[in-house]
């Protein structure tokens, strides 16, 4: 089983924003299990009143959660 690359509190953005009207960044609010072989996350923007569910391969890290910047994700996840 794969482990998540991101943790709650990390700030991420969509890898491809072409022709999308989306906020610049989102905070990971929850780690979700795999679906169709890909890990998922709940994310939220401070500019929206709802959460989104995204696939791990659709997002990239903007800023790691404070105090964990130098800790690899597989260790941060416990």
C-alpha atoms as a PDB file:
ATOM      1  CA  UNK A   1       0.000   0.000   0.000  1.00  0.00           C
ATOM      2  CA  UNK A   2       1.294   3.459  -0.900  1.00  0.00           C
ATOM      3  CA  UNK A   3       1.695   6.244   1.610  1.00  0.00           C
ATOM      4  CA  UNK A   4       0.471   9.798   1.107  1.00  0.00           C
ATOM      5  CA  UNK A   5       3.019  12.320  -0.191  1.00  0.00           C
ATOM      6  CA  UNK A   6       1.302  15.212   1.608  1.00  0.00           C
ATOM      7  CA  UNK A   7       0.029  15.681   5.171  1.00  0.00           C
ATOM      8  CA  UNK A   8      -2.776  17.731   6.694  1.00  0.00           C
ATOM      9  CA  UNK A   9      -1.774  21.367   6.853  1.00  0.00           C
ATOM     10  CA  UNK A  10       0.354  21.268   3.691  1.00  0.00           C
ATOM     11  CA  UNK A  11      -0.470  23.936   1.101  1.00  0.00           C
ATOM     12  CA  UNK A  12      -0.919  22.609  -2.425  1.00  0.00           C
ATOM     13  CA  UNK A  13      -2.068  23.765  -5.856  1.00  0.00           C
ATOM     14  CA  UNK A  14      -3.353  22.013  -8.936  1.00  0.00           C
ATOM     15  CA  UNK A  15      -0.563  20.921 -11.290  1.00  0.00           C
ATOM     16  CA  UNK A  16      -2.396  22.171 -14.351  1.00  0.00           C
ATOM     17  CA  UNK A  17      -4.392  25.358 -13.985  1.00  0.00           C
ATOM     18  CA  UNK A  18      -4.838  26.030 -17.697  1.00  0.00           C
ATOM     19  CA  UNK A  19      -8.352  27.297 -18.374  1.00  0.00           C
ATOM     20  CA  UNK A  20      -9.388  26.784 -14.733  1.00  0.00           C
ATOM     21  CA  UNK A  21     -10.820  29.517 -12.586  1.00  0.00           C
ATOM     22  CA  UNK A  22      -9.521  28.218  -9.236  1.00  0.00           C
ATOM     23  CA  UNK A  23      -7.880  29.744  -6.182  1.00  0.00           C
ATOM     24  CA  UNK A  24      -4.065  29.684  -6.219  1.00  0.00           C
ATOM     25  CA  UNK A  25      -3.640  27.384  -3.233  1.00  0.00           C
ATOM     26  CA  UNK A  26      -5.460  24.958  -0.978  1.00  0.00           C
ATOM     27  CA  UNK A  27      -4.794  23.467   2.446  1.00  0.00           C
ATOM     28  CA  UNK A  28      -4.907  19.700   2.878  1.00  0.00           C
ATOM     29  CA  UNK A  29      -7.621  19.058   5.464  1.00  0.00           C
ATOM     30  CA  UNK A  30      -7.791  15.247   5.371  1.00  0.00           C
ATOM     31  CA  UNK A  31      -6.014  12.211   3.961  1.00  0.00           C
ATOM     32  CA  UNK A  32      -8.352   9.834   2.165  1.00  0.00           C
ATOM     33  CA  UNK A  33      -7.860   6.222   1.063  1.00  0.00           C
ATOM     34  CA  UNK A  34      -7.074   5.093  -2.450  1.00  0.00           C
ATOM     35  CA  UNK A  35      -9.722   5.147  -5.119  1.00  0.00           C
ATOM     36  CA  UNK A  36      -9.033   3.410  -8.403  1.00  0.00           C
ATOM     37  CA  UNK A  37      -5.404   2.990  -7.323  1.00  0.00           C
ATOM     38  CA  UNK A  38      -4.703   6.663  -6.519  1.00  0.00           C
ATOM     39  CA  UNK A  39      -4.531   8.268  -3.084  1.00  0.00           C
ATOM     40  CA  UNK A  40      -6.904  11.154  -2.423  1.00  0.00           C
ATOM     41  CA  UNK A  41      -7.119  14.233  -0.201  1.00  0.00           C
ATOM     42  CA  UNK A  42      -9.696  16.715   1.011  1.00  0.00           C
ATOM     43  CA  UNK A  43      -8.540  20.276   0.332  1.00  0.00           C
ATOM     44  CA  UNK A  44      -9.962  23.685   1.136  1.00  0.00           C
ATOM     45  CA  UNK A  45      -9.286  27.221  -0.020  1.00  0.00           C
ATOM     46  CA  UNK A  46      -9.829  30.182   2.272  1.00  0.00           C
ATOM     47  CA  UNK A  47     -11.745  31.750  -0.642  1.00  0.00           C
ATOM     48  CA  UNK A  48     -14.345  28.983  -0.899  1.00  0.00           C
ATOM     49  CA  UNK A  49     -16.988  27.708   1.524  1.00  0.00           C
ATOM     50  CA  UNK A  50     -16.606  24.027   0.603  1.00  0.00           C
ATOM     51  CA  UNK A  51     -13.994  21.292   0.448  1.00  0.00           C
ATOM     52  CA  UNK A  52     -12.869  19.447  -2.647  1.00  0.00           C
ATOM     53  CA  UNK A  53     -11.701  15.858  -3.025  1.00  0.00           C
ATOM     54  CA  UNK A  54      -8.650  15.559  -5.274  1.00  0.00           C
ATOM     55  CA  UNK A  55      -6.352  12.846  -6.506  1.00  0.00           C
ATOM     56  CA  UNK A  56      -2.730  12.944  -5.393  1.00  0.00           C
ATOM     57  CA  UNK A  57      -1.472  13.073  -8.973  1.00  0.00           C
ATOM     58  CA  UNK A  58      -3.493  16.259  -9.653  1.00  0.00           C
ATOM     59  CA  UNK A  59      -1.786  18.427  -7.000  1.00  0.00           C
ATOM     60  CA  UNK A  60       1.697  19.631  -6.095  1.00  0.00           C
ATOM     61  CA  UNK A  61       3.248  21.066  -2.940  1.00  0.00           C
ATOM     62  CA  UNK A  62       3.409  24.847  -2.560  1.00  0.00           C
ATOM     63  CA  UNK A  63       4.437  24.981   1.104  1.00  0.00           C
ATOM     64  CA  UNK A  64       4.865  22.227   3.684  1.00  0.00           C
ATOM     65  CA  UNK A  65       3.084  22.437   7.011  1.00  0.00           C
ATOM     66  CA  UNK A  66       5.172  24.559   9.440  1.00  0.00           C
ATOM     67  CA  UNK A  67       7.753  22.707  11.530  1.00  0.00           C
ATOM     68  CA  UNK A  68       7.794  19.736   9.137  1.00  0.00           C
ATOM     69  CA  UNK A  69       9.594  21.255   6.146  1.00  0.00           C
ATOM     70  CA  UNK A  70      12.669  19.019   6.481  1.00  0.00           C
ATOM     71  CA  UNK A  71      10.890  15.795   7.411  1.00  0.00           C
ATOM     72  CA  UNK A  72      10.103  13.388   4.544  1.00  0.00           C
ATOM     73  CA  UNK A  73       6.402  12.739   3.999  1.00  0.00           C
ATOM     74  CA  UNK A  74       6.667   9.029   4.761  1.00  0.00           C
ATOM     75  CA  UNK A  75       8.029   9.890   8.237  1.00  0.00           C
ATOM     76  CA  UNK A  76       5.634  12.853   8.753  1.00  0.00           C
ATOM     77  CA  UNK A  77       2.698  10.514   8.180  1.00  0.00           C
ATOM     78  CA  UNK A  78       3.768   8.326  11.074  1.00  0.00           C
END
